[in-house]
Full PDB file with SEQRES, HELIX, SHEET, SSBOND, CRYST1, ORIGX, SCALE, CONECT and MASTER records, all heavy atoms in Angstrom:
SEQRES   1 A   39  LEU GLN ARG ASN PHE GLN LEU MET ARG GLU LEU ASP GLN          
SEQRES   2 A   39  ARG THR GLU ASP LYS LYS ALA GLU ILE ASP SER LEU ALA          
SEQRES   3 A   39  ALA GLU TYR ILE GLU SER VAL LYS ASN MET LEU PRO GLU          
HELIX    1 AA1 GLN A    2  SER A   32  1                                  31    
HELIX    2 AA2 VAL A   33  ASN A   35  5                                   3    
CRYST1    1.000    1.000    1.000  90.00  90.00  90.00 P 1           1          
ORIGX1      1.000000  0.000000  0.000000        0.00000                         
ORIGX2      0.000000  1.000000  0.000000        0.00000                         
ORIGX3      0.000000  0.000000  1.000000        0.00000                         
SCALE1      1.000000  0.000000  0.000000        0.00000                         
SCALE2      0.000000  1.000000  0.000000        0.00000                         
SCALE3      0.000000  0.000000  1.000000        0.00000                         
ATOM      1  N   LEU A   1     -43.906  -5.171 -73.128  1.00  0.00           N  
ATOM      2  CA  LEU A   1     -42.892  -4.475 -72.336  1.00  0.00           C  
ATOM      3  C   LEU A   1     -43.010  -2.963 -72.515  1.00  0.00           C  
ATOM      4  O   LEU A   1     -42.920  -2.195 -71.542  1.00  0.00           O  
ATOM      5  CB  LEU A   1     -41.495  -4.946 -72.728  1.00  0.00           C  
ATOM      6  CG  LEU A   1     -41.106  -6.374 -72.323  1.00  0.00           C  
ATOM      7  CD1 LEU A   1     -39.729  -6.718 -72.862  1.00  0.00           C  
ATOM      8  CD2 LEU A   1     -41.119  -6.535 -70.807  1.00  0.00           C  
ATOM      9  N   GLN A   2     -43.187  -2.532 -73.770  1.00  0.00           N  
ATOM     10  CA  GLN A   2     -43.320  -1.102 -74.043  1.00  0.00           C  
ATOM     11  C   GLN A   2     -44.531  -0.525 -73.322  1.00  0.00           C  
ATOM     12  O   GLN A   2     -44.466   0.572 -72.749  1.00  0.00           O  
ATOM     13  CB  GLN A   2     -43.445  -0.872 -75.546  1.00  0.00           C  
ATOM     14  CG  GLN A   2     -43.485   0.604 -75.934  1.00  0.00           C  
ATOM     15  CD  GLN A   2     -43.550   0.798 -77.439  1.00  0.00           C  
ATOM     16  OE1 GLN A   2     -43.740  -0.162 -78.179  1.00  0.00           O  
ATOM     17  NE2 GLN A   2     -43.410   2.021 -77.896  1.00  0.00           N  
ATOM     18  N   ARG A   3     -45.641  -1.262 -73.322  1.00  0.00           N  
ATOM     19  CA  ARG A   3     -46.850  -0.787 -72.646  1.00  0.00           C  
ATOM     20  C   ARG A   3     -46.618  -0.675 -71.139  1.00  0.00           C  
ATOM     21  O   ARG A   3     -46.987   0.327 -70.514  1.00  0.00           O  
ATOM     22  CB  ARG A   3     -48.003  -1.759 -72.923  1.00  0.00           C  
ATOM     23  CG  ARG A   3     -49.335  -1.353 -72.264  1.00  0.00           C  
ATOM     24  CD  ARG A   3     -50.300  -2.498 -72.311  1.00  0.00           C  
ATOM     25  NE  ARG A   3     -49.787  -3.634 -71.565  1.00  0.00           N  
ATOM     26  CZ  ARG A   3     -50.296  -4.857 -71.613  1.00  0.00           C  
ATOM     27  NH1 ARG A   3     -51.298  -5.112 -72.439  1.00  0.00           N  
ATOM     28  NH2 ARG A   3     -49.783  -5.832 -70.896  1.00  0.00           N  
ATOM     29  N   ASN A   4     -45.986  -1.704 -70.538  1.00  0.00           N  
ATOM     30  CA  ASN A   4     -45.732  -1.674 -69.097  1.00  0.00           C  
ATOM     31  C   ASN A   4     -44.790  -0.540 -68.715  1.00  0.00           C  
ATOM     32  O   ASN A   4     -44.993   0.140 -67.702  1.00  0.00           O  
ATOM     33  CB  ASN A   4     -45.159  -3.012 -68.644  1.00  0.00           C  
ATOM     34  CG  ASN A   4     -46.213  -4.101 -68.575  1.00  0.00           C  
ATOM     35  OD1 ASN A   4     -47.352  -3.880 -68.977  1.00  0.00           O  
ATOM     36  ND2 ASN A   4     -45.853  -5.267 -68.074  1.00  0.00           N  
ATOM     37  N   PHE A   5     -43.730  -0.352 -69.513  1.00  0.00           N  
ATOM     38  CA  PHE A   5     -42.786   0.724 -69.210  1.00  0.00           C  
ATOM     39  C   PHE A   5     -43.445   2.100 -69.365  1.00  0.00           C  
ATOM     40  O   PHE A   5     -43.130   3.035 -68.616  1.00  0.00           O  
ATOM     41  CB  PHE A   5     -41.553   0.620 -70.109  1.00  0.00           C  
ATOM     42  CG  PHE A   5     -40.662  -0.543 -69.767  1.00  0.00           C  
ATOM     43  CD1 PHE A   5     -40.033  -1.267 -70.760  1.00  0.00           C  
ATOM     44  CD2 PHE A   5     -40.458  -0.908 -68.451  1.00  0.00           C  
ATOM     45  CE1 PHE A   5     -39.211  -2.348 -70.447  1.00  0.00           C  
ATOM     46  CE2 PHE A   5     -39.643  -1.982 -68.121  1.00  0.00           C  
ATOM     47  CZ  PHE A   5     -39.021  -2.700 -69.122  1.00  0.00           C  
ATOM     48  N   GLN A   6     -44.352   2.222 -70.340  1.00  0.00           N  
ATOM     49  CA  GLN A   6     -45.071   3.482 -70.517  1.00  0.00           C  
ATOM     50  C   GLN A   6     -45.963   3.765 -69.310  1.00  0.00           C  
ATOM     51  O   GLN A   6     -46.037   4.896 -68.824  1.00  0.00           O  
ATOM     52  CB  GLN A   6     -45.911   3.434 -71.808  1.00  0.00           C  
ATOM     53  CG  GLN A   6     -46.661   4.722 -72.119  1.00  0.00           C  
ATOM     54  CD  GLN A   6     -45.725   5.889 -72.383  1.00  0.00           C  
ATOM     55  OE1 GLN A   6     -44.644   5.702 -72.939  1.00  0.00           O  
ATOM     56  NE2 GLN A   6     -46.145   7.075 -71.982  1.00  0.00           N  
ATOM     57  N   LEU A   7     -46.628   2.705 -68.815  1.00  0.00           N  
ATOM     58  CA  LEU A   7     -47.477   2.862 -67.631  1.00  0.00           C  
ATOM     59  C   LEU A   7     -46.628   3.225 -66.403  1.00  0.00           C  
ATOM     60  O   LEU A   7     -47.036   4.060 -65.589  1.00  0.00           O  
ATOM     61  CB  LEU A   7     -48.246   1.565 -67.364  1.00  0.00           C  
ATOM     62  CG  LEU A   7     -49.372   1.235 -68.345  1.00  0.00           C  
ATOM     63  CD1 LEU A   7     -49.942  -0.153 -68.044  1.00  0.00           C  
ATOM     64  CD2 LEU A   7     -50.482   2.280 -68.277  1.00  0.00           C  
ATOM     65  N   MET A   8     -45.463   2.622 -66.288  1.00  0.00           N  
ATOM     66  CA  MET A   8     -44.572   2.952 -65.173  1.00  0.00           C  
ATOM     67  C   MET A   8     -44.117   4.402 -65.257  1.00  0.00           C  
ATOM     68  O   MET A   8     -44.011   5.095 -64.235  1.00  0.00           O  
ATOM     69  CB  MET A   8     -43.381   1.999 -65.167  1.00  0.00           C  
ATOM     70  CG  MET A   8     -43.735   0.567 -64.795  1.00  0.00           C  
ATOM     71  SD  MET A   8     -42.375  -0.592 -64.995  1.00  0.00           S  
ATOM     72  CE  MET A   8     -41.276  -0.034 -63.701  1.00  0.00           C  
ATOM     73  N   ARG A   9     -43.846   4.875 -66.468  1.00  0.00           N  
ATOM     74  CA  ARG A   9     -43.433   6.276 -66.645  1.00  0.00           C  
ATOM     75  C   ARG A   9     -44.566   7.212 -66.254  1.00  0.00           C  
ATOM     76  O   ARG A   9     -44.340   8.249 -65.603  1.00  0.00           O  
ATOM     77  CB  ARG A   9     -43.027   6.516 -68.099  1.00  0.00           C  
ATOM     78  CG  ARG A   9     -42.604   7.954 -68.380  1.00  0.00           C  
ATOM     79  CD  ARG A   9     -42.205   8.147 -69.828  1.00  0.00           C  
ATOM     80  NE  ARG A   9     -41.015   7.373 -70.168  1.00  0.00           N  
ATOM     81  CZ  ARG A   9     -40.481   7.338 -71.389  1.00  0.00           C  
ATOM     82  NH1 ARG A   9     -41.053   8.033 -72.378  1.00  0.00           N  
ATOM     83  NH2 ARG A   9     -39.399   6.627 -71.622  1.00  0.00           N  
ATOM     84  N   GLU A  10     -45.808   6.865 -66.625  1.00  0.00           N  
ATOM     85  CA  GLU A  10     -46.952   7.694 -66.260  1.00  0.00           C  
ATOM     86  C   GLU A  10     -47.144   7.721 -64.746  1.00  0.00           C  
ATOM     87  O   GLU A  10     -47.463   8.776 -64.167  1.00  0.00           O  
ATOM     88  CB  GLU A  10     -48.216   7.167 -66.944  1.00  0.00           C  
ATOM     89  CG  GLU A  10     -48.209   7.342 -68.459  1.00  0.00           C  
ATOM     90  CD  GLU A  10     -49.425   6.728 -69.119  1.00  0.00           C  
ATOM     91  OE1 GLU A  10     -50.281   6.196 -68.372  1.00  0.00           O  
ATOM     92  OE2 GLU A  10     -49.526   6.772 -70.357  1.00  0.00           O  
ATOM     93  N   LEU A  11     -46.970   6.560 -64.106  1.00  0.00           N  
ATOM     94  CA  LEU A  11     -47.076   6.516 -62.649  1.00  0.00           C  
ATOM     95  C   LEU A  11     -45.981   7.346 -61.994  1.00  0.00           C  
ATOM     96  O   LEU A  11     -46.220   8.002 -60.969  1.00  0.00           O  
ATOM     97  CB  LEU A  11     -47.002   5.065 -62.164  1.00  0.00           C  
ATOM     98  CG  LEU A  11     -48.224   4.192 -62.460  1.00  0.00           C  
ATOM     99  CD1 LEU A  11     -47.928   2.734 -62.152  1.00  0.00           C  
ATOM    100  CD2 LEU A  11     -49.426   4.675 -61.652  1.00  0.00           C  
ATOM    101  N   ASP A  12     -44.795   7.308 -62.571  1.00  0.00           N  
ATOM    102  CA  ASP A  12     -43.693   8.143 -62.073  1.00  0.00           C  
ATOM    103  C   ASP A  12     -44.056   9.623 -62.140  1.00  0.00           C  
ATOM    104  O   ASP A  12     -43.823  10.387 -61.196  1.00  0.00           O  
ATOM    105  CB  ASP A  12     -42.419   7.882 -62.881  1.00  0.00           C  
ATOM    106  CG  ASP A  12     -41.514   6.857 -62.212  1.00  0.00           C  
ATOM    107  OD1 ASP A  12     -41.626   6.679 -61.000  1.00  0.00           O  
ATOM    108  OD2 ASP A  12     -40.709   6.239 -62.916  1.00  0.00           O  
ATOM    109  N   GLN A  13     -44.639  10.026 -63.276  1.00  0.00           N  
ATOM    110  CA  GLN A  13     -45.001  11.433 -63.464  1.00  0.00           C  
ATOM    111  C   GLN A  13     -46.096  11.843 -62.482  1.00  0.00           C  
ATOM    112  O   GLN A  13     -46.050  12.935 -61.898  1.00  0.00           O  
ATOM    113  CB  GLN A  13     -45.460  11.662 -64.907  1.00  0.00           C  
ATOM    114  CG  GLN A  13     -45.709  13.123 -65.240  1.00  0.00           C  
ATOM    115  CD  GLN A  13     -44.466  13.972 -65.040  1.00  0.00           C  
ATOM    116  OE1 GLN A  13     -43.397  13.650 -65.536  1.00  0.00           O  
ATOM    117  NE2 GLN A  13     -44.614  15.066 -64.293  1.00  0.00           N  
ATOM    118  N   ARG A  14     -47.080  10.971 -62.289  1.00  0.00           N  
ATOM    119  CA  ARG A  14     -48.144  11.270 -61.325  1.00  0.00           C  
ATOM    120  C   ARG A  14     -47.571  11.417 -59.917  1.00  0.00           C  
ATOM    121  O   ARG A  14     -47.998  12.301 -59.155  1.00  0.00           O  
ATOM    122  CB  ARG A  14     -49.186  10.152 -61.336  1.00  0.00           C  
ATOM    123  CG  ARG A  14     -50.007  10.061 -62.608  1.00  0.00           C  
ATOM    124  CD  ARG A  14     -51.017   8.939 -62.488  1.00  0.00           C  
ATOM    125  NE  ARG A  14     -51.709   8.693 -63.752  1.00  0.00           N  
ATOM    126  CZ  ARG A  14     -52.606   7.733 -63.926  1.00  0.00           C  
ATOM    127  NH1 ARG A  14     -52.926   6.942 -62.919  1.00  0.00           N  
ATOM    128  NH2 ARG A  14     -53.188   7.564 -65.102  1.00  0.00           N  
ATOM    129  N   THR A  15     -46.603  10.547 -59.592  1.00  0.00           N  
ATOM    130  CA  THR A  15     -45.980  10.621 -58.271  1.00  0.00           C  
ATOM    131  C   THR A  15     -45.231  11.936 -58.093  1.00  0.00           C  
ATOM    132  O   THR A  15     -45.317  12.579 -57.039  1.00  0.00           O  
ATOM    133  CB  THR A  15     -45.010   9.439 -58.072  1.00  0.00           C  
ATOM    134  OG1 THR A  15     -45.718   8.206 -58.263  1.00  0.00           O  
ATOM    135  CG2 THR A  15     -44.415   9.445 -56.671  1.00  0.00           C  
ATOM    136  N   GLU A  16     -44.477  12.334 -59.120  1.00  0.00           N  
ATOM    137  CA  GLU A  16     -43.734  13.593 -59.031  1.00  0.00           C  
ATOM    138  C   GLU A  16     -44.684  14.783 -58.907  1.00  0.00           C  
ATOM    139  O   GLU A  16     -44.415  15.723 -58.142  1.00  0.00           O  
ATOM    140  CB  GLU A  16     -42.840  13.753 -60.273  1.00  0.00           C  
ATOM    141  CG  GLU A  16     -41.683  12.774 -60.336  1.00  0.00           C  
ATOM    142  CD  GLU A  16     -40.744  12.909 -59.149  1.00  0.00           C  
ATOM    143  OE1 GLU A  16     -40.502  14.059 -58.710  1.00  0.00           O  
ATOM    144  OE2 GLU A  16     -40.264  11.876 -58.643  1.00  0.00           O  
ATOM    145  N   ASP A  17     -45.794  14.760 -59.654  1.00  0.00           N  
ATOM    146  CA  ASP A  17     -46.777  15.845 -59.548  1.00  0.00           C  
ATOM    147  C   ASP A  17     -47.377  15.897 -58.149  1.00  0.00           C  
ATOM    148  O   ASP A  17     -47.585  16.990 -57.583  1.00  0.00           O  
ATOM    149  CB  ASP A  17     -47.892  15.647 -60.582  1.00  0.00           C  
ATOM    150  CG  ASP A  17     -47.399  15.799 -62.012  1.00  0.00           C  
ATOM    151  OD1 ASP A  17     -46.302  16.360 -62.198  1.00  0.00           O  
ATOM    152  OD2 ASP A  17     -48.095  15.325 -62.936  1.00  0.00           O  
ATOM    153  N   LYS A  18     -47.656  14.729 -57.604  1.00  0.00           N  
ATOM    154  CA  LYS A  18     -48.235  14.682 -56.259  1.00  0.00           C  
ATOM    155  C   LYS A  18     -47.224  15.139 -55.211  1.00  0.00           C  
ATOM    156  O   LYS A  18     -47.598  15.810 -54.233  1.00  0.00           O  
ATOM    157  CB  LYS A  18     -48.711  13.264 -55.960  1.00  0.00           C  
ATOM    158  CG  LYS A  18     -49.589  13.129 -54.728  1.00  0.00           C  
ATOM    159  CD  LYS A  18     -50.857  13.948 -54.836  1.00  0.00           C  
ATOM    160  CE  LYS A  18     -51.785  13.481 -55.914  1.00  0.00           C  
ATOM    161  NZ  LYS A  18     -53.078  14.207 -55.890  1.00  0.00           N  
ATOM    162  N   LYS A  19     -45.948  14.823 -55.402  1.00  0.00           N  
ATOM    163  CA  LYS A  19     -44.908  15.286 -54.476  1.00  0.00           C  
ATOM    164  C   LYS A  19     -44.785  16.810 -54.510  1.00  0.00           C  
ATOM    165  O   LYS A  19     -44.604  17.461 -53.470  1.00  0.00           O  
ATOM    166  CB  LYS A  19     -43.574  14.636 -54.835  1.00  0.00           C  
ATOM    167  CG  LYS A  19     -43.478  13.172 -54.435  1.00  0.00           C  
ATOM    168  CD  LYS A  19     -42.284  12.483 -55.069  1.00  0.00           C  
ATOM    169  CE  LYS A  19     -40.981  13.073 -54.628  1.00  0.00           C  
ATOM    170  NZ  LYS A  19     -39.820  12.356 -55.234  1.00  0.00           N  
ATOM    171  N   ALA A  20     -44.898  17.383 -55.701  1.00  0.00           N  
ATOM    172  CA  ALA A  20     -44.864  18.846 -55.820  1.00  0.00           C  
ATOM    173  C   ALA A  20     -46.062  19.462 -55.104  1.00  0.00           C  
ATOM    174  O   ALA A  20     -45.943  20.513 -54.444  1.00  0.00           O  
ATOM    175  CB  ALA A  20     -44.858  19.240 -57.289  1.00  0.00           C  
ATOM    176  N   GLU A  21     -47.225  18.803 -55.215  1.00  0.00           N  
ATOM    177  CA  GLU A  21     -48.415  19.290 -54.509  1.00  0.00           C  
ATOM    178  C   GLU A  21     -48.218  19.222 -53.001  1.00  0.00           C  
ATOM    179  O   GLU A  21     -48.618  20.139 -52.266  1.00  0.00           O  
ATOM    180  CB  GLU A  21     -49.627  18.446 -54.926  1.00  0.00           C  
ATOM    181  CG  GLU A  21     -50.922  18.850 -54.247  1.00  0.00           C  
ATOM    182  CD  GLU A  21     -52.079  17.931 -54.612  1.00  0.00           C  
ATOM    183  OE1 GLU A  21     -51.996  17.265 -55.676  1.00  0.00           O  
ATOM    184  OE2 GLU A  21     -53.052  17.877 -53.838  1.00  0.00           O  
ATOM    185  N   ILE A  22     -47.590  18.148 -52.522  1.00  0.00           N  
ATOM    186  CA  ILE A  22     -47.323  18.007 -51.091  1.00  0.00           C  
ATOM    187  C   ILE A  22     -46.393  19.111 -50.603  1.00  0.00           C  
ATOM    188  O   ILE A  22     -46.613  19.717 -49.542  1.00  0.00           O  
ATOM    189  CB  ILE A  22     -46.717  16.623 -50.795  1.00  0.00           C  
ATOM    190  CG1 ILE A  22     -47.756  15.528 -51.037  1.00  0.00           C  
ATOM    191  CG2 ILE A  22     -46.195  16.550 -49.362  1.00  0.00           C  
ATOM    192  CD1 ILE A  22     -47.194  14.122 -50.973  1.00  0.00           C  
ATOM    193  N   ASP A  23     -45.353  19.389 -51.374  1.00  0.00           N  
ATOM    194  CA  ASP A  23     -44.422  20.464 -51.000  1.00  0.00           C  
ATOM    195  C   ASP A  23     -45.138  21.805 -50.927  1.00  0.00           C  
ATOM    196  O   ASP A  23     -44.892  22.612 -50.016  1.00  0.00           O  
ATOM    197  CB  ASP A  23     -43.272  20.534 -52.012  1.00  0.00           C  
ATOM    198  CG  ASP A  23     -42.353  19.331 -51.932  1.00  0.00           C  
ATOM    199  OD1 ASP A  23     -42.358  18.658 -50.879  1.00  0.00           O  
ATOM    200  OD2 ASP A  23     -41.631  19.057 -52.910  1.00  0.00           O  
ATOM    201  N   SER A  24     -46.027  22.050 -51.874  1.00  0.00           N  
ATOM    202  CA  SER A  24     -46.765  23.307 -51.902  1.00  0.00           C  
ATOM    203  C   SER A  24     -47.697  23.422 -50.693  1.00  0.00           C  
ATOM    204  O   SER A  24     -47.773  24.473 -50.036  1.00  0.00           O  
ATOM    205  CB  SER A  24     -47.562  23.415 -53.199  1.00  0.00           C  
ATOM    206  OG  SER A  24     -48.357  24.588 -53.206  1.00  0.00           O  
ATOM    207  N   LEU A  25     -48.411  22.337 -50.387  1.00  0.00           N  
ATOM    208  CA  LEU A  25     -49.316  22.338 -49.234  1.00  0.00           C  
ATOM    209  C   LEU A  25     -48.555  22.508 -47.925  1.00  0.00           C  
ATOM    210  O   LEU A  25     -49.008  23.219 -47.017  1.00  0.00           O  
ATOM    211  CB  LEU A  25     -50.121  21.033 -49.204  1.00  0.00           C  
ATOM    212  CG  LEU A  25     -51.196  20.856 -50.281  1.00  0.00           C  
ATOM    213  CD1 LEU A  25     -51.754  19.440 -50.260  1.00  0.00           C  
ATOM    214  CD2 LEU A  25     -52.321  21.875 -50.078  1.00  0.00           C  
ATOM    215  N   ALA A  26     -47.399  21.833 -47.825  1.00  0.00           N  
ATOM    216  CA  ALA A  26     -46.598  21.938 -46.608  1.00  0.00           C  
ATOM    217  C   ALA A  26     -46.070  23.360 -46.420  1.00  0.00           C  
ATOM    218  O   ALA A  26     -46.094  23.911 -45.302  1.00  0.00           O  
ATOM    219  CB  ALA A  26     -45.444  20.944 -46.664  1.00  0.00           C  
ATOM    220  N   ALA A  27     -45.594  23.985 -47.498  1.00  0.00           N  
ATOM    221  CA  ALA A  27     -45.088  25.360 -47.405  1.00  0.00           C  
ATOM    222  C   ALA A  27     -46.214  26.319 -47.021  1.00  0.00           C  
ATOM    223  O   ALA A  27     -46.016  27.237 -46.195  1.00  0.00           O  
ATOM    224  CB  ALA A  27     -44.469  25.767 -48.743  1.00  0.00           C  
ATOM    225  N   GLU A  28     -47.385  26.103 -47.614  1.00  0.00           N  
ATOM    226  CA  GLU A  28     -48.543  26.956 -47.288  1.00  0.00           C  
ATOM    227  C   GLU A  28     -48.937  26.796 -45.827  1.00  0.00           C  
ATOM    228  O   GLU A  28     -49.282  27.780 -45.147  1.00  0.00           O  
ATOM    229  CB  GLU A  28     -49.708  26.589 -48.204  1.00  0.00           C  
ATOM    230  CG  GLU A  28     -50.961  27.413 -47.983  1.00  0.00           C  
ATOM    231  CD  GLU A  28     -52.102  26.960 -48.881  1.00  0.00           C  
ATOM    232  OE1 GLU A  28     -51.837  26.220 -49.852  1.00  0.00           O  
ATOM    233  OE2 GLU A  28     -53.257  27.346 -48.602  1.00  0.00           O  
ATOM    234  N   TYR A  29     -48.896  25.552 -45.346  1.00  0.00           N  
ATOM    235  CA  TYR A  29     -49.271  25.288 -43.948  1.00  0.00           C  
ATOM    236  C   TYR A  29     -48.289  25.966 -42.989  1.00  0.00           C  
ATOM    237  O   TYR A  29     -48.693  26.601 -42.008  1.00  0.00           O  
ATOM    238  CB  TYR A  29     -49.305  23.783 -43.713  1.00  0.00           C  
ATOM    239  CG  TYR A  29     -49.656  23.404 -42.290  1.00  0.00           C  
ATOM    240  CD1 TYR A  29     -50.983  23.388 -41.872  1.00  0.00           C  
ATOM    241  CD2 TYR A  29     -48.668  23.058 -41.371  1.00  0.00           C  
ATOM    242  CE1 TYR A  29     -51.315  23.038 -40.561  1.00  0.00           C  
ATOM    243  CE2 TYR A  29     -48.987  22.716 -40.074  1.00  0.00           C  
ATOM    244  CZ  TYR A  29     -50.309  22.708 -39.675  1.00  0.00           C  
ATOM    245  OH  TYR A  29     -50.634  22.374 -38.373  1.00  0.00           O  
ATOM    246  N   ILE A  30     -46.998  25.829 -43.248  1.00  0.00           N  
ATOM    247  CA  ILE A  30     -45.981  26.416 -42.378  1.00  0.00           C  
ATOM    248  C   ILE A  30     -46.083  27.945 -42.355  1.00  0.00           C  
ATOM    249  O   ILE A  30     -45.907  28.581 -41.309  1.00  0.00           O  
ATOM    250  CB  ILE A  30     -44.570  25.975 -42.836  1.00  0.00           C  
ATOM    251  CG1 ILE A  30     -44.394  24.467 -42.619  1.00  0.00           C  
ATOM    252  CG2 ILE A  30     -43.489  26.735 -42.083  1.00  0.00           C  
ATOM    253  CD1 ILE A  30     -43.116  23.906 -43.207  1.00  0.00           C  
ATOM    254  N   GLU A  31     -46.418  28.511 -43.494  1.00  0.00           N  
ATOM    255  CA  GLU A  31     -46.466  29.964 -43.601  1.00  0.00           C  
ATOM    256  C   GLU A  31     -47.659  30.559 -42.851  1.00  0.00           C  
ATOM    257  O   GLU A  31     -47.557  31.645 -42.256  1.00  0.00           O  
ATOM    258  CB  GLU A  31     -46.527  30.358 -45.082  1.00  0.00           C  
ATOM    259  CG  GLU A  31     -46.511  31.861 -45.319  1.00  0.00           C  
ATOM    260  CD  GLU A  31     -46.553  32.203 -46.795  1.00  0.00           C  
ATOM    261  OE1 GLU A  31     -46.410  31.268 -47.622  1.00  0.00           O  
ATOM    262  OE2 GLU A  31     -46.721  33.389 -47.122  1.00  0.00           O  
ATOM    263  N   SER A  32     -48.788  29.868 -42.874  1.00  0.00           N  
ATOM    264  CA  SER A  32     -50.009  30.459 -42.313  1.00  0.00           C  
ATOM    265  C   SER A  32     -50.572  29.701 -41.119  1.00  0.00           C  
ATOM    266  O   SER A  32     -51.712  29.947 -40.726  1.00  0.00           O  
ATOM    267  CB  SER A  32     -51.074  30.547 -43.404  1.00  0.00           C  
ATOM    268  OG  SER A  32     -51.324  29.279 -43.968  1.00  0.00           O  
ATOM    269  N   VAL A  33     -49.804  28.766 -40.538  1.00  0.00           N  
ATOM    270  CA  VAL A  33     -50.344  27.943 -39.456  1.00  0.00           C  
ATOM    271  C   VAL A  33     -50.704  28.782 -38.232  1.00  0.00           C  
ATOM    272  O   VAL A  33     -51.654  28.475 -37.498  1.00  0.00           O  
ATOM    273  CB  VAL A  33     -49.334  26.835 -39.075  1.00  0.00           C  
ATOM    274  CG1 VAL A  33     -48.037  27.441 -38.526  1.00  0.00           C  
ATOM    275  CG2 VAL A  33     -49.942  25.868 -38.063  1.00  0.00           C  
ATOM    276  N   LYS A  34     -49.956  29.872 -37.983  1.00  0.00           N  
ATOM    277  CA  LYS A  34     -50.218  30.694 -36.805  1.00  0.00           C  
ATOM    278  C   LYS A  34     -51.562  31.408 -36.887  1.00  0.00           C  
ATOM    279  O   LYS A  34     -52.181  31.717 -35.854  1.00  0.00           O  
ATOM    280  CB  LYS A  34     -49.098  31.720 -36.639  1.00  0.00           C  
ATOM    281  CG  LYS A  34     -47.756  31.105 -36.295  1.00  0.00           C  
ATOM    282  CD  LYS A  34     -46.698  32.189 -36.112  1.00  0.00           C  
ATOM    283  CE  LYS A  34     -45.347  31.571 -35.758  1.00  0.00           C  
ATOM    284  NZ  LYS A  34     -44.293  32.617 -35.579  1.00  0.00           N  
ATOM    285  N   ASN A  35     -52.019  31.692 -38.073  1.00  0.00           N  
ATOM    286  CA  ASN A  35     -53.277  32.424 -38.252  1.00  0.00           C  
ATOM    287  C   ASN A  35     -54.469  31.503 -38.520  1.00  0.00           C  
ATOM    288  O   ASN A  35     -55.590  31.986 -38.746  1.00  0.00           O  
ATOM    289  CB  ASN A  35     -53.144  33.415 -39.415  1.00  0.00           C  
ATOM    290  CG  ASN A  35     -52.015  34.401 -39.195  1.00  0.00           C  
ATOM    291  OD1 ASN A  35     -51.776  34.838 -38.058  1.00  0.00           O  
ATOM    292  ND2 ASN A  35     -51.323  34.779 -40.270  1.00  0.00           N  
ATOM    293  N   MET A  36     -54.233  30.194 -38.506  1.00  0.00           N  
ATOM    294  CA  MET A  36     -55.304  29.240 -38.800  1.00  0.00           C  
ATOM    295  C   MET A  36     -56.077  28.874 -37.540  1.00  0.00           C  
ATOM    296  O   MET A  36     -55.517  28.796 -36.443  1.00  0.00           O  
ATOM    297  CB  MET A  36     -54.727  27.948 -39.411  1.00  0.00           C  
ATOM    298  CG  MET A  36     -54.287  28.074 -40.841  1.00  0.00           C  
ATOM    299  SD  MET A  36     -53.695  26.459 -41.445  1.00  0.00           S  
ATOM    300  CE  MET A  36     -53.336  26.846 -43.143  1.00  0.00           C  
ATOM    301  N   LEU A  37     -57.359  28.621 -37.739  1.00  0.00           N  
ATOM    302  CA  LEU A  37     -58.172  28.061 -36.671  1.00  0.00           C  
ATOM    303  C   LEU A  37     -57.867  26.566 -36.547  1.00  0.00           C  
ATOM    304  O   LEU A  37     -57.386  25.945 -37.500  1.00  0.00           O  
ATOM    305  CB  LEU A  37     -59.661  28.274 -36.979  1.00  0.00           C  
ATOM    306  CG  LEU A  37     -60.141  29.734 -37.032  1.00  0.00           C  
ATOM    307  CD1 LEU A  37     -61.590  29.794 -37.501  1.00  0.00           C  
ATOM    308  CD2 LEU A  37     -59.977  30.418 -35.686  1.00  0.00           C  
ATOM    309  N   PRO A  38     -58.143  25.950 -35.403  1.00  0.00           N  
ATOM    310  CA  PRO A  38     -57.877  24.507 -35.237  1.00  0.00           C  
ATOM    311  C   PRO A  38     -58.521  23.655 -36.322  1.00  0.00           C  
ATOM    312  O   PRO A  38     -57.924  22.699 -36.811  1.00  0.00           O  
ATOM    313  CB  PRO A  38     -58.470  24.215 -33.852  1.00  0.00           C  
ATOM    314  CG  PRO A  38     -58.376  25.521 -33.121  1.00  0.00           C  
ATOM    315  CD  PRO A  38     -58.612  26.583 -34.160  1.00  0.00           C  
ATOM    316  N   GLU A  39     -59.763  24.032 -36.698  1.00  0.00           N  
ATOM    317  CA  GLU A  39     -60.440  23.253 -37.734  1.00  0.00           C  
ATOM    318  C   GLU A  39     -59.726  23.376 -39.084  1.00  0.00           C  
ATOM    319  O   GLU A  39     -59.627  22.402 -39.846  1.00  0.00           O  
ATOM    320  CB  GLU A  39     -61.894  23.710 -37.885  1.00  0.00           C  
ATOM    321  CG  GLU A  39     -62.771  23.467 -36.670  1.00  0.00           C  
ATOM    322  CD  GLU A  39     -62.591  24.536 -35.594  1.00  0.00           C  
ATOM    323  OE1 GLU A  39     -61.824  25.499 -35.846  1.00  0.00           O  
ATOM    324  OE2 GLU A  39     -63.184  24.385 -34.510  1.00  0.00           O  
TER     325      GLU A  39                                                      
MASTER        0    0    0    2    0    0    0    6  324    1    0    3          
END                                                                             
């Protein structure tokens, strides 16, 4: 049980880190989308 809960906590942390990355990418996209090329 301790091992499974530890793995779940690690997955939670990875998810939160990835969500922060998504927020950062989205903010960057919104800020500079007008100056970006289609590609």
